[in-house]
Amino acid sequence: MRSQLALVRASRRACARGERGDVPGWVLITLMTAGLVAVLWAVAEDQLKALFTDALDSARR
């Protein structure tokens, strides 16, 4: 019974280690994406607004 319990615990630990993923990598990707969006928005805000307005106007016709 104890050996089966030890086997189950070892199996769970092995699975948990494999499913952790690369959290710092995902955080870095998310922050970099947010930074790129902020920079693009700051540089091209007027053009993006005009593009969006034109697209909505053409969809309404």
PDB file of N, CA and C in Angstrom:
ATOM      1  N   MET A   1       0.829  -1.191   0.000  1.00  0.00           N
ATOM      2  CA  MET A   1       0.000   0.000   0.000  1.00  0.00           C
ATOM      3  C   MET A   1       0.872   1.253   0.000  1.00  0.00           C
ATOM      4  N   ARG A   2       1.898   1.264   0.852  1.00  0.00           N
ATOM      5  CA  ARG A   2       2.773   2.435   0.918  1.00  0.00           C
ATOM      6  C   ARG A   2       3.545   2.625  -0.384  1.00  0.00           C
ATOM      7  N   SER A   3       3.953   1.533  -0.993  1.00  0.00           N
ATOM      8  CA  SER A   3       4.706   1.658  -2.243  1.00  0.00           C
ATOM      9  C   SER A   3       3.814   2.205  -3.360  1.00  0.00           C
ATOM     10  N   GLN A   4       2.538   1.820  -3.359  1.00  0.00           N
ATOM     11  CA  GLN A   4       1.607   2.351  -4.356  1.00  0.00           C
ATOM     12  C   GLN A   4       1.382   3.845  -4.131  1.00  0.00           C
ATOM     13  N   LEU A   5       1.244   4.238  -2.870  1.00  0.00           N
ATOM     14  CA  LEU A   5       1.050   5.647  -2.547  1.00  0.00           C
ATOM     15  C   LEU A   5       2.282   6.462  -2.940  1.00  0.00           C
ATOM     16  N   ALA A   6       3.453   5.927  -2.683  1.00  0.00           N
ATOM     17  CA  ALA A   6       4.692   6.615  -3.067  1.00  0.00           C
ATOM     18  C   ALA A   6       4.784   6.745  -4.580  1.00  0.00           C
ATOM     19  N   LEU A   7       4.358   5.721  -5.300  1.00  0.00           N
ATOM     20  CA  LEU A   7       4.374   5.757  -6.760  1.00  0.00           C
ATOM     21  C   LEU A   7       3.413   6.819  -7.292  1.00  0.00           C
ATOM     22  N   VAL A   8       2.227   6.910  -6.702  1.00  0.00           N
ATOM     23  CA  VAL A   8       1.247   7.916  -7.115  1.00  0.00           C
ATOM     24  C   VAL A   8       1.787   9.317  -6.845  1.00  0.00           C
ATOM     25  N   ARG A   9       2.388   9.517  -5.687  1.00  0.00           N
ATOM     26  CA  ARG A   9       2.945  10.835  -5.356  1.00  0.00           C
ATOM     27  C   ARG A   9       4.070  11.214  -6.319  1.00  0.00           C
ATOM     28  N   ALA A  10       4.941  10.276  -6.618  1.00  0.00           N
ATOM     29  CA  ALA A  10       6.044  10.548  -7.543  1.00  0.00           C
ATOM     30  C   ALA A  10       5.514  10.872  -8.932  1.00  0.00           C
ATOM     31  N   SER A  11       4.482  10.169  -9.338  1.00  0.00           N
ATOM     32  CA  SER A  11       3.878  10.421 -10.648  1.00  0.00           C
ATOM     33  C   SER A  11       3.263  11.813 -10.713  1.00  0.00           C
ATOM     34  N   ARG A  12       2.579  12.204  -9.648  1.00  0.00           N
ATOM     35  CA  ARG A  12       1.966  13.542  -9.610  1.00  0.00           C
ATOM     36  C   ARG A  12       3.026  14.637  -9.646  1.00  0.00           C
ATOM     37  N   ARG A  13       4.116  14.436  -8.914  1.00  0.00           N
ATOM     38  CA  ARG A  13       5.188  15.430  -8.923  1.00  0.00           C
ATOM     39  C   ARG A  13       5.804  15.549 -10.310  1.00  0.00           C
ATOM     40  N   ALA A  14       5.989  14.435 -10.983  1.00  0.00           N
ATOM     41  CA  ALA A  14       6.567  14.460 -12.325  1.00  0.00           C
ATOM     42  C   ALA A  14       5.642  15.176 -13.296  1.00  0.00           C
ATOM     43  N   CYS A  15       4.349  14.939 -13.191  1.00  0.00           N
ATOM     44  CA  CYS A  15       3.383  15.614 -14.061  1.00  0.00           C
ATOM     45  C   CYS A  15       3.328  17.101 -13.758  1.00  0.00           C
ATOM     46  N   ALA A  16       3.369  17.452 -12.495  1.00  0.00           N
ATOM     47  CA  ALA A  16       3.297  18.863 -12.110  1.00  0.00           C
ATOM     48  C   ALA A  16       4.513  19.622 -12.632  1.00  0.00           C
ATOM     49  N   ARG A  17       5.674  19.005 -12.589  1.00  0.00           N
ATOM     50  CA  ARG A  17       6.872  19.662 -13.104  1.00  0.00           C
ATOM     51  C   ARG A  17       6.776  19.872 -14.609  1.00  0.00           C
ATOM     52  N   GLY A  18       6.193  18.944 -15.323  1.00  0.00           N
ATOM     53  CA  GLY A  18       6.092  19.042 -16.770  1.00  0.00           C
ATOM     54  C   GLY A  18       5.068  20.059 -17.229  1.00  0.00           C
ATOM     55  N   GLU A  19       4.104  20.418 -16.404  1.00  0.00           N
ATOM     56  CA  GLU A  19       3.025  21.309 -16.807  1.00  0.00           C
ATOM     57  C   GLU A  19       3.223  22.746 -16.343  1.00  0.00           C
ATOM     58  N   ARG A  20       4.324  23.040 -15.698  1.00  0.00           N
ATOM     59  CA  ARG A  20       4.523  24.392 -15.182  1.00  0.00           C
ATOM     60  C   ARG A  20       4.686  25.406 -16.295  1.00  0.00           C
ATOM     61  N   GLY A  21       5.323  25.029 -17.364  1.00  0.00           N
ATOM     62  CA  GLY A  21       5.510  25.948 -18.474  1.00  0.00           C
ATOM     63  C   GLY A  21       6.605  26.962 -18.195  1.00  0.00           C
ATOM     64  N   ASP A  22       6.771  27.851 -19.135  1.00  0.00           N
ATOM     65  CA  ASP A  22       7.805  28.868 -19.026  1.00  0.00           C
ATOM     66  C   ASP A  22       7.146  30.198 -18.695  1.00  0.00           C
ATOM     67  N   VAL A  23       6.792  30.386 -17.444  1.00  0.00           N
ATOM     68  CA  VAL A  23       6.058  31.584 -17.023  1.00  0.00           C
ATOM     69  C   VAL A  23       6.846  32.857 -17.310  1.00  0.00           C
ATOM     70  N   PRO A  24       8.120  32.964 -16.968  1.00  0.00           N
ATOM     71  CA  PRO A  24       8.836  34.206 -17.272  1.00  0.00           C
ATOM     72  C   PRO A  24       8.861  34.527 -18.765  1.00  0.00           C
ATOM     73  N   GLY A  25       8.936  33.514 -19.604  1.00  0.00           N
ATOM     74  CA  GLY A  25       8.903  33.740 -21.046  1.00  0.00           C
ATOM     75  C   GLY A  25       7.590  34.331 -21.494  1.00  0.00           C
ATOM     76  N   TRP A  26       6.483  33.800 -20.987  1.00  0.00           N
ATOM     77  CA  TRP A  26       5.171  34.329 -21.361  1.00  0.00           C
ATOM     78  C   TRP A  26       4.969  35.740 -20.827  1.00  0.00           C
ATOM     79  N   VAL A  27       5.481  36.004 -19.646  1.00  0.00           N
ATOM     80  CA  VAL A  27       5.369  37.356 -19.091  1.00  0.00           C
ATOM     81  C   VAL A  27       6.154  38.332 -19.959  1.00  0.00           C
ATOM     82  N   LEU A  28       7.348  37.950 -20.364  1.00  0.00           N
ATOM     83  CA  LEU A  28       8.170  38.811 -21.207  1.00  0.00           C
ATOM     84  C   LEU A  28       7.497  39.067 -22.551  1.00  0.00           C
ATOM     85  N   ILE A  29       6.947  38.035 -23.170  1.00  0.00           N
ATOM     86  CA  ILE A  29       6.254  38.200 -24.448  1.00  0.00           C
ATOM     87  C   ILE A  29       5.067  39.137 -24.295  1.00  0.00           C
ATOM     88  N   THR A  30       4.304  38.984 -23.225  1.00  0.00           N
ATOM     89  CA  THR A  30       3.137  39.845 -22.994  1.00  0.00           C
ATOM     90  C   THR A  30       3.556  41.294 -22.799  1.00  0.00           C
ATOM     91  N   LEU A  31       4.589  41.524 -22.004  1.00  0.00           N
ATOM     92  CA  LEU A  31       5.061  42.890 -21.771  1.00  0.00           C
ATOM     93  C   LEU A  31       5.620  43.520 -23.043  1.00  0.00           C
ATOM     94  N   MET A  32       6.348  42.743 -23.828  1.00  0.00           N
ATOM     95  CA  MET A  32       6.895  43.274 -25.072  1.00  0.00           C
ATOM     96  C   MET A  32       5.782  43.607 -26.060  1.00  0.00           C
ATOM     97  N   THR A  33       4.768  42.761 -26.129  1.00  0.00           N
ATOM     98  CA  THR A  33       3.638  43.029 -27.015  1.00  0.00           C
ATOM     99  C   THR A  33       2.907  44.290 -26.586  1.00  0.00           C
ATOM    100  N   ALA A  34       2.669  44.434 -25.296  1.00  0.00           N
ATOM    101  CA  ALA A  34       2.003  45.641 -24.794  1.00  0.00           C
ATOM    102  C   ALA A  34       2.845  46.880 -25.083  1.00  0.00           C
ATOM    103  N   GLY A  35       4.147  46.771 -24.952  1.00  0.00           N
ATOM    104  CA  GLY A  35       5.033  47.890 -25.261  1.00  0.00           C
ATOM    105  C   GLY A  35       4.988  48.270 -26.729  1.00  0.00           C
ATOM    106  N   LEU A  36       4.992  47.263 -27.607  1.00  0.00           N
ATOM    107  CA  LEU A  36       4.905  47.542 -29.043  1.00  0.00           C
ATOM    108  C   LEU A  36       3.592  48.216 -29.404  1.00  0.00           C
ATOM    109  N   VAL A  37       2.507  47.748 -28.821  1.00  0.00           N
ATOM    110  CA  VAL A  37       1.199  48.357 -29.086  1.00  0.00           C
ATOM    111  C   VAL A  37       1.188  49.806 -28.609  1.00  0.00           C
ATOM    112  N   ALA A  38       1.739  50.060 -27.444  1.00  0.00           N
ATOM    113  CA  ALA A  38       1.767  51.431 -26.911  1.00  0.00           C
ATOM    114  C   ALA A  38       2.593  52.353 -27.800  1.00  0.00           C
ATOM    115  N   VAL A  39       3.738  51.874 -28.271  1.00  0.00           N
ATOM    116  CA  VAL A  39       4.585  52.690 -29.145  1.00  0.00           C
ATOM    117  C   VAL A  39       3.890  52.949 -30.475  1.00  0.00           C
ATOM    118  N   LEU A  40       3.319  51.906 -31.074  1.00  0.00           N
ATOM    119  CA  LEU A  40       2.608  52.086 -32.346  1.00  0.00           C
ATOM    120  C   LEU A  40       1.427  53.028 -32.190  1.00  0.00           C
ATOM    121  N   TRP A  41       0.708  52.888 -31.095  1.00  0.00           N
ATOM    122  CA  TRP A  41      -0.450  53.764 -30.865  1.00  0.00           C
ATOM    123  C   TRP A  41      -0.005  55.213 -30.714  1.00  0.00           C
ATOM    124  N   ALA A  42       1.089  55.449 -30.000  1.00  0.00           N
ATOM    125  CA  ALA A  42       1.578  56.815 -29.800  1.00  0.00           C
ATOM    126  C   ALA A  42       2.051  57.436 -31.114  1.00  0.00           C
ATOM    127  N   VAL A  43       2.681  56.635 -31.961  1.00  0.00           N
ATOM    128  CA  VAL A  43       3.219  57.151 -33.218  1.00  0.00           C
ATOM    129  C   VAL A  43       2.123  57.371 -34.249  1.00  0.00           C
ATOM    130  N   ALA A  44       1.179  56.457 -34.344  1.00  0.00           N
ATOM    131  CA  ALA A  44       0.207  56.481 -35.439  1.00  0.00           C
ATOM    132  C   ALA A  44      -1.228  56.669 -34.962  1.00  0.00           C
ATOM    133  N   GLU A  45      -1.430  57.369 -33.863  1.00  0.00           N
ATOM    134  CA  GLU A  45      -2.778  57.506 -33.301  1.00  0.00           C
ATOM    135  C   GLU A  45      -3.754  58.151 -34.284  1.00  0.00           C
ATOM    136  N   ASP A  46      -3.346  59.252 -34.898  1.00  0.00           N
ATOM    137  CA  ASP A  46      -4.252  59.946 -35.820  1.00  0.00           C
ATOM    138  C   ASP A  46      -4.588  59.084 -37.040  1.00  0.00           C
ATOM    139  N   GLN A  47      -3.581  58.403 -37.584  1.00  0.00           N
ATOM    140  CA  GLN A  47      -3.805  57.552 -38.747  1.00  0.00           C
ATOM    141  C   GLN A  47      -4.703  56.367 -38.401  1.00  0.00           C
ATOM    142  N   LEU A  48      -4.517  55.805 -37.219  1.00  0.00           N
ATOM    143  CA  LEU A  48      -5.350  54.675 -36.803  1.00  0.00           C
ATOM    144  C   LEU A  48      -6.799  55.101 -36.601  1.00  0.00           C
ATOM    145  N   LYS A  49      -6.995  56.275 -36.017  1.00  0.00           N
ATOM    146  CA  LYS A  49      -8.358  56.779 -35.834  1.00  0.00           C
ATOM    147  C   LYS A  49      -9.030  57.018 -37.179  1.00  0.00           C
ATOM    148  N   ALA A  50      -8.292  57.620 -38.119  1.00  0.00           N
ATOM    149  CA  ALA A  50      -8.847  57.872 -39.449  1.00  0.00           C
ATOM    150  C   ALA A  50      -9.168  56.565 -40.164  1.00  0.00           C
ATOM    151  N   LEU A  51      -8.285  55.596 -40.052  1.00  0.00           N
ATOM    152  CA  LEU A  51      -8.511  54.291 -40.678  1.00  0.00           C
ATOM    153  C   LEU A  51      -9.756  53.626 -40.107  1.00  0.00           C
ATOM    154  N   PHE A  52      -9.902  53.668 -38.806  1.00  0.00           N
ATOM    155  CA  PHE A  52     -11.053  53.060 -38.140  1.00  0.00           C
ATOM    156  C   PHE A  52     -12.348  53.777 -38.520  1.00  0.00           C
ATOM    157  N   THR A  53     -12.309  55.099 -38.544  1.00  0.00           N
ATOM    158  CA  THR A  53     -13.495  55.881 -38.910  1.00  0.00           C
ATOM    159  C   THR A  53     -13.898  55.612 -40.353  1.00  0.00           C
ATOM    160  N   ASP A  54     -12.925  55.578 -41.258  1.00  0.00           N
ATOM    161  CA  ASP A  54     -13.215  55.282 -42.664  1.00  0.00           C
ATOM    162  C   ASP A  54     -13.803  53.884 -42.829  1.00  0.00           C
ATOM    163  N   ALA A  55     -13.281  52.924 -42.087  1.00  0.00           N
ATOM    164  CA  ALA A  55     -13.793  51.554 -42.174  1.00  0.00           C
ATOM    165  C   ALA A  55     -15.235  51.483 -41.686  1.00  0.00           C
ATOM    166  N   LEU A  56     -15.545  52.167 -40.591  1.00  0.00           N
ATOM    167  CA  LEU A  56     -16.924  52.174 -40.092  1.00  0.00           C
ATOM    168  C   LEU A  56     -17.864  52.881 -41.060  1.00  0.00           C
ATOM    169  N   ASP A  57     -17.400  53.992 -41.636  1.00  0.00           N
ATOM    170  CA  ASP A  57     -18.232  54.716 -42.596  1.00  0.00           C
ATOM    171  C   ASP A  57     -18.526  53.875 -43.832  1.00  0.00           C
ATOM    172  N   SER A  58     -17.530  53.148 -44.322  1.00  0.00           N
ATOM    173  CA  SER A  58     -17.759  52.327 -45.515  1.00  0.00           C
ATOM    174  C   SER A  58     -18.641  51.123 -45.193  1.00  0.00           C
ATOM    175  N   ALA A  59     -18.618  50.646 -43.969  1.00  0.00           N
ATOM    176  CA  ALA A  59     -19.468  49.513 -43.590  1.00  0.00           C
ATOM    177  C   ALA A  59     -20.923  49.940 -43.423  1.00  0.00           C
ATOM    178  N   ARG A  60     -21.147  51.181 -43.095  1.00  0.00           N
ATOM    179  CA  ARG A  60     -22.512  51.682 -42.898  1.00  0.00           C
ATOM    180  C   ARG A  60     -23.233  51.916 -44.217  1.00  0.00           C
ATOM    181  N   ARG A  61     -22.504  52.105 -45.288  1.00  0.00           N
ATOM    182  CA  ARG A  61     -23.125  52.393 -46.586  1.00  0.00           C
ATOM    183  C   ARG A  61     -23.723  51.189 -47.208  1.00  0.00           C
TER     184      ARG A  61
END
